[in-house]
C-alpha atoms as a PDB file:
ATOM      1  CA  MET A   1     107.241 109.242 109.619  1.00  0.00           C
ATOM      2  CA  VAL A   2     110.910 110.062 110.967  1.00  0.00           C
ATOM      3  CA  LEU A   3     109.326 110.884 114.268  1.00  0.00           C
ATOM      4  CA  HIS A   4     107.102 107.633 114.350  1.00  0.00           C
ATOM      5  CA  HIS A   5     109.822 105.706 114.197  1.00  0.00           C
ATOM      6  CA  TRP A   6     112.252 107.471 116.410  1.00  0.00           C
ATOM      7  CA  ASN A   7     109.919 107.085 119.376  1.00  0.00           C
ATOM      8  CA  PHE A   8     110.699 103.243 119.050  1.00  0.00           C
ATOM      9  CA  VAL A   9     114.294 102.969 117.919  1.00  0.00           C
ATOM     10  CA  LEU A  10     115.841 105.998 120.239  1.00  0.00           C
ATOM     11  CA  PRO A  11     117.696 104.995 123.558  1.00  0.00           C
ATOM     12  CA  SER A  12     114.966 106.108 126.437  1.00  0.00           C
ATOM     13  CA  ALA A  13     118.109 108.642 127.463  1.00  0.00           C
ATOM     14  CA  VAL A  14     117.619 110.654 124.092  1.00  0.00           C
ATOM     15  CA  GLN A  15     115.261 113.267 124.203  1.00  0.00           C
ATOM     16  CA  VAL A  16     114.259 114.622 121.009  1.00  0.00           C
ATOM     17  CA  ILE A  17     112.886 118.341 121.120  1.00  0.00           C
ATOM     18  CA  GLU A  18     110.564 119.053 117.827  1.00  0.00           C
ATOM     19  CA  GLN A  19     109.897 122.387 116.402  1.00  0.00           C
ATOM     20  CA  HIS A  20     106.296 122.809 115.248  1.00  0.00           C
ATOM     21  CA  ARG A  21     104.214 125.940 114.342  1.00  0.00           C
ATOM     22  CA  ASP A  22     101.380 125.315 116.745  1.00  0.00           C
ATOM     23  CA  PRO A  23     101.232 128.287 119.121  1.00  0.00           C
ATOM     24  CA  ALA A  24      98.596 126.238 121.271  1.00  0.00           C
ATOM     25  CA  ARG A  25     101.153 123.508 121.646  1.00  0.00           C
ATOM     26  CA  SER A  26     102.828 123.439 125.308  1.00  0.00           C
ATOM     27  CA  THR A  27     105.756 121.189 124.397  1.00  0.00           C
ATOM     28  CA  GLY A  28     108.515 121.296 121.923  1.00  0.00           C
ATOM     29  CA  ILE A  29     109.546 124.545 119.970  1.00  0.00           C
ATOM     30  CA  HIS A  30     107.214 126.862 118.467  1.00  0.00           C
ATOM     31  CA  TRP A  31     109.166 127.956 115.608  1.00  0.00           C
ATOM     32  CA  CYS A  32     108.017 129.419 112.252  1.00  0.00           C
ATOM     33  CA  LEU A  33     111.793 128.985 110.246  1.00  0.00           C
ATOM     34  CA  THR A  34     111.206 132.473 108.421  1.00  0.00           C
ATOM     35  CA  LYS A  35     111.711 134.195 111.618  1.00  0.00           C
ATOM     36  CA  LYS A  36     113.646 134.093 114.902  1.00  0.00           C
ATOM     37  CA  PRO A  37     112.208 131.423 117.357  1.00  0.00           C
ATOM     38  CA  LYS A  38     110.754 133.269 120.660  1.00  0.00           C
ATOM     39  CA  GLU A  39     113.135 131.091 122.962  1.00  0.00           C
ATOM     40  CA  THR A  40     116.578 131.041 122.502  1.00  0.00           C
ATOM     41  CA  LEU A  41     117.983 127.620 121.529  1.00  0.00           C
ATOM     42  CA  ASP A  42     120.622 127.760 124.368  1.00  0.00           C
ATOM     43  CA  SER A  43     118.230 127.275 126.868  1.00  0.00           C
ATOM     44  CA  PHE A  44     117.163 123.734 125.584  1.00  0.00           C
ATOM     45  CA  ASP A  45     120.678 122.084 126.198  1.00  0.00           C
ATOM     46  CA  ILE A  46     120.712 120.811 122.378  1.00  0.00           C
ATOM     47  CA  ASP A  47     123.734 118.345 120.773  1.00  0.00           C
ATOM     48  CA  ALA A  48     122.484 118.544 117.535  1.00  0.00           C
ATOM     49  CA  ILE A  49     120.076 119.668 114.735  1.00  0.00           C
ATOM     50  CA  VAL A  50     118.187 117.649 112.717  1.00  0.00           C
ATOM     51  CA  CYS A  51     116.660 119.819 109.612  1.00  0.00           C
ATOM     52  CA  LEU A  52     114.211 117.898 107.480  1.00  0.00           C
ATOM     53  CA  ALA A  53     112.442 121.108 106.349  1.00  0.00           C
ATOM     54  CA  GLY A  54     112.083 122.732 103.270  1.00  0.00           C
ATOM     55  CA  VAL A  55     109.914 123.342 100.158  1.00  0.00           C
ATOM     56  CA  THR A  56     109.558 120.491  97.786  1.00  0.00           C
ATOM     57  CA  PRO A  57     107.985 120.869  94.063  1.00  0.00           C
ATOM     58  CA  GLY A  58     104.314 121.473  93.902  1.00  0.00           C
ATOM     59  CA  PRO A  59     101.719 124.305  92.870  1.00  0.00           C
ATOM     60  CA  ASN A  60     102.942 127.731  93.655  1.00  0.00           C
ATOM     61  CA  ALA A  61     105.863 126.043  95.616  1.00  0.00           C
ATOM     62  CA  ASP A  62     108.574 128.866  96.408  1.00  0.00           C
ATOM     63  CA  LEU A  63     111.518 126.840  96.182  1.00  0.00           C
ATOM     64  CA  LEU A  64     113.914 129.743  96.653  1.00  0.00           C
ATOM     65  CA  LEU A  65     112.781 129.482 100.126  1.00  0.00           C
ATOM     66  CA  ASN A  66     115.069 126.474 101.034  1.00  0.00           C
ATOM     67  CA  THR A  67     118.193 128.469 101.314  1.00  0.00           C
ATOM     68  CA  PRO A  68     116.782 131.039 104.031  1.00  0.00           C
ATOM     69  CA  LEU A  69     114.717 128.107 105.848  1.00  0.00           C
ATOM     70  CA  ALA A  70     118.308 126.531 106.127  1.00  0.00           C
ATOM     71  CA  SER A  71     120.060 129.752 106.799  1.00  0.00           C
ATOM     72  CA  THR A  72     117.908 130.394 110.021  1.00  0.00           C
ATOM     73  CA  VAL A  73     118.638 127.205 111.291  1.00  0.00           C
ATOM     74  CA  MET A  74     122.260 127.341 111.050  1.00  0.00           C
ATOM     75  CA  ARG A  75     122.321 131.013 112.405  1.00  0.00           C
ATOM     76  CA  GLU A  76     120.437 130.059 115.525  1.00  0.00           C
ATOM     77  CA  ALA A  77     122.150 126.930 115.973  1.00  0.00           C
ATOM     78  CA  SER A  78     125.759 129.089 115.792  1.00  0.00           C
ATOM     79  CA  ARG A  79     124.015 131.436 118.325  1.00  0.00           C
ATOM     80  CA  ALA A  80     123.048 128.597 120.532  1.00  0.00           C
ATOM     81  CA  GLY A  81     126.413 127.297 120.374  1.00  0.00           C
ATOM     82  CA  ILE A  82     124.946 124.074 119.009  1.00  0.00           C
ATOM     83  CA  LYS A  83     127.877 122.033 117.306  1.00  0.00           C
ATOM     84  CA  ARG A  84     126.142 120.414 114.776  1.00  0.00           C
ATOM     85  CA  VAL A  85     123.401 120.549 112.115  1.00  0.00           C
ATOM     86  CA  LEU A  86     122.252 117.867 109.477  1.00  0.00           C
ATOM     87  CA  LEU A  87     120.253 119.567 106.503  1.00  0.00           C
ATOM     88  CA  ALA A  88     118.089 117.589 104.367  1.00  0.00           C
ATOM     89  CA  SER A  89     119.140 118.409 100.778  1.00  0.00           C
ATOM     90  CA  SER A  90     118.605 116.014  97.991  1.00  0.00           C
ATOM     91  CA  SER A  91     120.073 113.670  95.214  1.00  0.00           C
ATOM     92  CA  ALA A  92     118.615 115.771  93.001  1.00  0.00           C
ATOM     93  CA  VAL A  93     121.626 118.250  93.472  1.00  0.00           C
ATOM     94  CA  TYR A  94     123.641 115.480  90.855  1.00  0.00           C
ATOM     95  CA  GLY A  95     121.246 115.787  87.928  1.00  0.00           C
ATOM     96  CA  ALA A  96     120.148 112.687  85.619  1.00  0.00           C
ATOM     97  CA  GLY A  97     124.009 111.418  85.073  1.00  0.00           C
ATOM     98  CA  ASP A  98     124.518 108.498  82.715  1.00  0.00           C
ATOM     99  CA  GLY A  99     123.401 105.809  84.770  1.00  0.00           C
ATOM    100  CA  THR A 100     126.680 105.439  87.101  1.00  0.00           C
ATOM    101  CA  PRO A 101     126.142 105.714  90.620  1.00  0.00           C
ATOM    102  CA  PHE A 102     126.671 109.120  92.139  1.00  0.00           C
ATOM    103  CA  ASN A 103     129.217 109.401  94.732  1.00  0.00           C
ATOM    104  CA  GLU A 104     129.864 112.447  96.759  1.00  0.00           C
ATOM    105  CA  SER A 105     132.472 113.935  94.484  1.00  0.00           C
ATOM    106  CA  SER A 106     130.374 113.282  91.458  1.00  0.00           C
ATOM    107  CA  PRO A 107     129.689 116.762  89.560  1.00  0.00           C
ATOM    108  CA  THR A 108     126.397 118.297  90.434  1.00  0.00           C
ATOM    109  CA  ASN A 109     124.337 119.116  87.474  1.00  0.00           C
ATOM    110  CA  PRO A 110     120.821 119.536  88.672  1.00  0.00           C
ATOM    111  CA  ILE A 111     118.359 119.351  85.762  1.00  0.00           C
ATOM    112  CA  ASN A 112     115.349 121.035  87.567  1.00  0.00           C
ATOM    113  CA  GLU A 113     114.366 123.679  89.869  1.00  0.00           C
ATOM    114  CA  TYR A 114     114.266 122.047  92.867  1.00  0.00           C
ATOM    115  CA  GLY A 115     117.907 120.633  92.490  1.00  0.00           C
ATOM    116  CA  LYS A 116     119.175 123.821  91.621  1.00  0.00           C
ATOM    117  CA  ALA A 117     117.552 125.231  95.083  1.00  0.00           C
ATOM    118  CA  LYS A 118     119.003 122.653  97.066  1.00  0.00           C
ATOM    119  CA  LEU A 119     122.429 123.168  95.508  1.00  0.00           C
ATOM    120  CA  GLU A 120     121.723 126.804  96.358  1.00  0.00           C
ATOM    121  CA  MET A 121     121.068 125.968 100.121  1.00  0.00           C
ATOM    122  CA  GLU A 122     124.159 123.953 100.439  1.00  0.00           C
ATOM    123  CA  GLN A 123     126.348 126.416  98.841  1.00  0.00           C
ATOM    124  CA  SER A 124     124.730 128.899 101.541  1.00  0.00           C
ATOM    125  CA  CYS A 125     126.628 126.377 104.266  1.00  0.00           C
ATOM    126  CA  ALA A 126     129.757 127.370 103.754  1.00  0.00           C
ATOM    127  CA  HIS A 127     129.477 130.971 106.029  1.00  0.00           C
ATOM    128  CA  TRP A 128     128.032 128.947 108.786  1.00  0.00           C
ATOM    129  CA  ARG A 129     131.190 126.290 108.549  1.00  0.00           C
ATOM    130  CA  GLU A 130     133.780 129.302 108.649  1.00  0.00           C
ATOM    131  CA  GLU A 131     132.277 130.380 111.898  1.00  0.00           C
ATOM    132  CA  GLY A 132     132.794 126.871 113.743  1.00  0.00           C
ATOM    133  CA  LEU A 133     129.487 125.405 112.938  1.00  0.00           C
ATOM    134  CA  GLU A 134     129.733 121.613 111.662  1.00  0.00           C
ATOM    135  CA  VAL A 135     126.962 121.332 108.796  1.00  0.00           C
ATOM    136  CA  CYS A 136     126.509 117.909 106.623  1.00  0.00           C
ATOM    137  CA  CYS A 137     124.149 117.946 103.939  1.00  0.00           C
ATOM    138  CA  LEU A 138     122.406 114.886 103.654  1.00  0.00           C
ATOM    139  CA  ARG A 139     121.330 114.132  99.699  1.00  0.00           C
ATOM    140  CA  ILE A 140     118.990 111.971 100.412  1.00  0.00           C
ATOM    141  CA  GLY A 141     117.468 109.534  97.540  1.00  0.00           C
ATOM    142  CA  ASN A 142     113.774 108.364  98.102  1.00  0.00           C
ATOM    143  CA  VAL A 143     112.476 107.987 100.841  1.00  0.00           C
ATOM    144  CA  ALA A 144     109.374 105.214 100.673  1.00  0.00           C
ATOM    145  CA  GLY A 145     106.431 106.750 101.240  1.00  0.00           C
ATOM    146  CA  ALA A 146     107.507 110.368 100.736  1.00  0.00           C
ATOM    147  CA  ASP A 147     108.107 109.198  96.893  1.00  0.00           C
ATOM    148  CA  ALA A 148     105.901 109.635  93.689  1.00  0.00           C
ATOM    149  CA  LEU A 149     105.322 106.166  93.504  1.00  0.00           C
ATOM    150  CA  LEU A 150     104.120 105.186  96.954  1.00  0.00           C
ATOM    151  CA  LEU A 151     101.989 108.504  97.203  1.00  0.00           C
ATOM    152  CA  ASN A 152     100.748 107.428  94.032  1.00  0.00           C
ATOM    153  CA  VAL A 153      99.948 103.885  95.557  1.00  0.00           C
ATOM    154  CA  ALA A 154      98.230 105.901  98.805  1.00  0.00           C
ATOM    155  CA  GLY A 155      96.162 107.941  96.312  1.00  0.00           C
ATOM    156  CA  SER A 156      94.854 105.146  94.220  1.00  0.00           C
ATOM    157  CA  THR A 157      91.990 102.837  94.524  1.00  0.00           C
ATOM    158  CA  SER A 158      92.774  99.041  94.856  1.00  0.00           C
ATOM    159  CA  ASN A 159      91.912  97.917  91.455  1.00  0.00           C
ATOM    160  CA  GLN A 160      93.459 101.116  89.914  1.00  0.00           C
ATOM    161  CA  PRO A 161      96.793 100.056  88.310  1.00  0.00           C
ATOM    162  CA  LEU A 162      99.854 102.659  88.597  1.00  0.00           C
ATOM    163  CA  HIS A 163     101.752 103.077  84.903  1.00  0.00           C
ATOM    164  CA  ILE A 164     105.352 102.256  85.673  1.00  0.00           C
ATOM    165  CA  ASP A 165     107.939 102.636  82.673  1.00  0.00           C
ATOM    166  CA  ARG A 166     109.227  99.858  80.777  1.00  0.00           C
ATOM    167  CA  PHE A 167     113.117 100.294  79.475  1.00  0.00           C
ATOM    168  CA  ALA A 168     114.654  98.034  76.833  1.00  0.00           C
ATOM    169  CA  ASP A 169     115.811  95.214  79.470  1.00  0.00           C
ATOM    170  CA  GLY A 170     111.582  94.656  80.385  1.00  0.00           C
ATOM    171  CA  ARG A 171     112.572  96.087  83.826  1.00  0.00           C
ATOM    172  CA  GLY A 172     110.974  99.583  85.158  1.00  0.00           C
ATOM    173  CA  PRO A 173     113.102 102.467  86.591  1.00  0.00           C
ATOM    174  CA  VAL A 174     115.710 101.892  89.640  1.00  0.00           C
ATOM    175  CA  ARG A 175     116.579 104.133  92.292  1.00  0.00           C
ATOM    176  CA  SER A 176     118.390 104.689  95.447  1.00  0.00           C
ATOM    177  CA  TYR A 177     115.429 104.311  97.924  1.00  0.00           C
ATOM    178  CA  ILE A 178     115.514 104.128 102.173  1.00  0.00           C
ATOM    179  CA  GLY A 179     112.358 103.133 104.392  1.00  0.00           C
ATOM    180  CA  PRO A 180     111.606 105.676 107.215  1.00  0.00           C
ATOM    181  CA  LYS A 181     112.379 103.616 110.125  1.00  0.00           C
ATOM    182  CA  THR A 182     116.151 103.012 108.550  1.00  0.00           C
ATOM    183  CA  LEU A 183     116.161 106.595 107.990  1.00  0.00           C
ATOM    184  CA  ALA A 184     115.576 107.365 111.437  1.00  0.00           C
ATOM    185  CA  GLU A 185     118.223 104.996 112.081  1.00  0.00           C
ATOM    186  CA  VAL A 186     120.653 106.637 109.941  1.00  0.00           C
ATOM    187  CA  LEU A 187     119.871 110.201 111.322  1.00  0.00           C
ATOM    188  CA  TYR A 188     120.794 109.164 114.962  1.00  0.00           C
ATOM    189  CA  SER A 189     123.766 107.434 114.101  1.00  0.00           C
ATOM    190  CA  LEU A 190     124.717 110.834 112.256  1.00  0.00           C
ATOM    191  CA  ALA A 191     123.512 113.084 114.787  1.00  0.00           C
ATOM    192  CA  THR A 192     125.514 110.989 117.565  1.00  0.00           C
ATOM    193  CA  HIS A 193     128.711 110.570 115.812  1.00  0.00           C
ATOM    194  CA  LYS A 194     131.943 111.170 117.978  1.00  0.00           C
ATOM    195  CA  GLY A 195     134.055 112.212 115.299  1.00  0.00           C
ATOM    196  CA  GLN A 196     133.703 114.950 112.316  1.00  0.00           C
ATOM    197  CA  LEU A 197     131.008 114.336 109.503  1.00  0.00           C
ATOM    198  CA  PRO A 198     131.913 115.215 105.939  1.00  0.00           C
ATOM    199  CA  GLU A 199     130.290 118.397 104.621  1.00  0.00           C
ATOM    200  CA  THR A 200     127.827 116.321 102.126  1.00  0.00           C
ATOM    201  CA  LEU A 201     126.735 112.804 102.124  1.00  0.00           C
ATOM    202  CA  ASN A 202     124.529 110.452 100.348  1.00  0.00           C
ATOM    203  CA  ILE A 203     121.536 108.815 102.162  1.00  0.00           C
ATOM    204  CA  ALA A 204     119.893 105.669 100.832  1.00  0.00           C
ATOM    205  CA  ALA A 205     119.920 101.940 101.708  1.00  0.00           C
ATOM    206  CA  PRO A 206     123.138 100.144 100.236  1.00  0.00           C
ATOM    207  CA  LYS A 207     121.315  98.613  97.341  1.00  0.00           C
ATOM    208  CA  VAL A 208     118.913 100.074  94.614  1.00  0.00           C
ATOM    209  CA  VAL A 209     115.199  99.300  94.331  1.00  0.00           C
ATOM    210  CA  TYR A 210     113.402  98.916  90.923  1.00  0.00           C
ATOM    211  CA  MET A 211     109.990 100.523  91.030  1.00  0.00           C
ATOM    212  CA  GLU A 212     107.995  97.284  90.540  1.00  0.00           C
ATOM    213  CA  GLU A 213     109.106  95.732  93.110  1.00  0.00           C
ATOM    214  CA  LEU A 214     107.709  98.424  95.318  1.00  0.00           C
ATOM    215  CA  ALA A 215     104.505  98.285  93.744  1.00  0.00           C
ATOM    216  CA  HIS A 216     104.745  94.206  94.275  1.00  0.00           C
ATOM    217  CA  ALA A 217     105.505  94.874  97.933  1.00  0.00           C
ATOM    218  CA  ALA A 218     102.603  97.545  98.358  1.00  0.00           C
ATOM    219  CA  ASN A 219     100.331  94.800  96.784  1.00  0.00           C
ATOM    220  CA  HIS A 220      99.291  97.376  94.145  1.00  0.00           C
ATOM    221  CA  PRO A 221      98.248  96.782  90.533  1.00  0.00           C
ATOM    222  CA  PHE A 222     100.708  98.431  87.913  1.00  0.00           C
ATOM    223  CA  ASP A 223     101.023  98.350  84.061  1.00  0.00           C
ATOM    224  CA  LEU A 224     104.826  98.298  82.519  1.00  0.00           C
ATOM    225  CA  CYS A 225     104.467 100.899  79.857  1.00  0.00           C
ATOM    226  CA  SER A 226     107.124 101.776  77.263  1.00  0.00           C
ATOM    227  CA  ALA A 227     109.274 104.519  78.661  1.00  0.00           C
ATOM    228  CA  GLN A 228     109.180 107.567  76.772  1.00  0.00           C
ATOM    229  CA  GLU A 229     112.683 108.594  75.085  1.00  0.00           C
ATOM    230  CA  GLY A 230     114.970 110.673  77.000  1.00  0.00           C
ATOM    231  CA  SER A 231     113.721 108.791  80.738  1.00  0.00           C
ATOM    232  CA  HIS A 232     116.306 107.744  82.726  1.00  0.00           C
ATOM    233  CA  GLN A 233     116.322 104.386  84.050  1.00  0.00           C
ATOM    234  CA  SER A 234     119.186 104.535  86.482  1.00  0.00           C
ATOM    235  CA  ILE A 235     119.577 107.359  88.910  1.00  0.00           C
ATOM    236  CA  THR A 236     121.043 106.007  91.981  1.00  0.00           C
ATOM    237  CA  LEU A 237     123.639 106.890  94.782  1.00  0.00           C
ATOM    238  CA  ASP A 238     126.662 105.264  95.733  1.00  0.00           C
ATOM    239  CA  CYS A 239     126.379 105.250  99.892  1.00  0.00           C
ATOM    240  CA  ASP A 240     129.653 103.286 100.481  1.00  0.00           C
ATOM    241  CA  ALA A 241     130.538 106.712 102.652  1.00  0.00           C
ATOM    242  CA  LEU A 242     127.428 106.378 104.541  1.00  0.00           C
ATOM    243  CA  SER A 243     128.035 102.849 105.985  1.00  0.00           C
ATOM    244  CA  THR A 244     131.310 103.723 107.363  1.00  0.00           C
ATOM    245  CA  PHE A 245     128.937 105.991 109.658  1.00  0.00           C
ATOM    246  CA  HIS A 246     125.966 103.531 110.062  1.00  0.00           C
ATOM    247  CA  ALA A 247     125.095  99.871 110.224  1.00  0.00           C
ATOM    248  CA  PHE A 248     122.343  98.658 108.374  1.00  0.00           C
ATOM    249  CA  ASP A 249     120.142  95.882 108.749  1.00  0.00           C
ATOM    250  CA  THR A 250     120.352  93.121 106.543  1.00  0.00           C
ATOM    251  CA  ASP A 251     117.290  93.701 105.014  1.00  0.00           C
ATOM    252  CA  ALA A 252     117.167  97.416 104.708  1.00  0.00           C
ATOM    253  CA  SER A 253     117.198  97.162 101.262  1.00  0.00           C
ATOM    254  CA  GLU A 254     114.383  95.090 100.695  1.00  0.00           C
ATOM    255  CA  ALA A 255     111.541  96.726  99.002  1.00  0.00           C
ATOM    256  CA  THR A 256     109.001  94.639 101.413  1.00  0.00           C
ATOM    257  CA  GLN A 257     110.717  96.220 104.299  1.00  0.00           C
ATOM    258  CA  MET A 258     110.794  99.643 103.072  1.00  0.00           C
ATOM    259  CA  VAL A 259     106.812  99.308 102.600  1.00  0.00           C
ATOM    260  CA  ALA A 260     106.397  97.912 106.126  1.00  0.00           C
ATOM    261  CA  GLN A 261     107.852 100.691 107.607  1.00  0.00           C
ATOM    262  CA  TRP A 262     106.175 102.959 105.365  1.00  0.00           C
ATOM    263  CA  LYS A 263     102.946 101.169 106.535  1.00  0.00           C
ATOM    264  CA  GLU A 264     103.451 101.350 109.948  1.00  0.00           C
ATOM    265  CA  ALA A 265     104.328 105.056 110.128  1.00  0.00           C
ATOM    266  CA  THR A 266     101.464 106.035 108.495  1.00  0.00           C
ATOM    267  CA  SER A 267      98.913 103.542 110.269  1.00  0.00           C
ATOM    268  CA  ARG A 268      98.583 106.028 113.303  1.00  0.00           C
END
């Protein structure tokens, strides 16, 4: 989804070199990230690497691969003299919290194996920073279209209602989201920023989104069902730090805009 939007939002002078695992493909870099690339990265004149690769929860998913995947990228970047690497981490490193938005200085207390794996990945960056590599770990919230709700929309028939938790205030869960086009713009801003980036940075649109707003925007039926005891209504990110590096469009936090960005990226 990010690559789709980069085709339209990046200046024409910017060259994106895609990493892929297709040996028959003649463009980009053929590189399985568990191994060294066949071509050294210094031959490509790369200014920054955006590494979104990783293992997410699923049947038989080896979450412990997140650290070696990132370490391979950092090692090859350091070897090639590339100065900056942006690594996809996750807001899952914070855990559930108490409903107060997490900022980058909030304690990390992951409650699931995915969050623990991403935190381990973040901690592995210290060695490469000591070697002079600038590594910014992106604690990404929910990306519209790569999230549970919209993936369920995509996998449901138009008359099959989703079930969304309803809490005491009558509303559903509230989360920090970002549309894929907005994410593409944010990544470009960070990759090309002239000064030093922080070691960690929350990534989401400035304002939070309720799940039922996304279902409405996707024009998909849903039922609000009483939330089970122990469910967390509000797990959100404070993205004030990000706003110093990127100027968001005024509609970047609107559910309708996020859904439109998702649909555009997946309609090709």
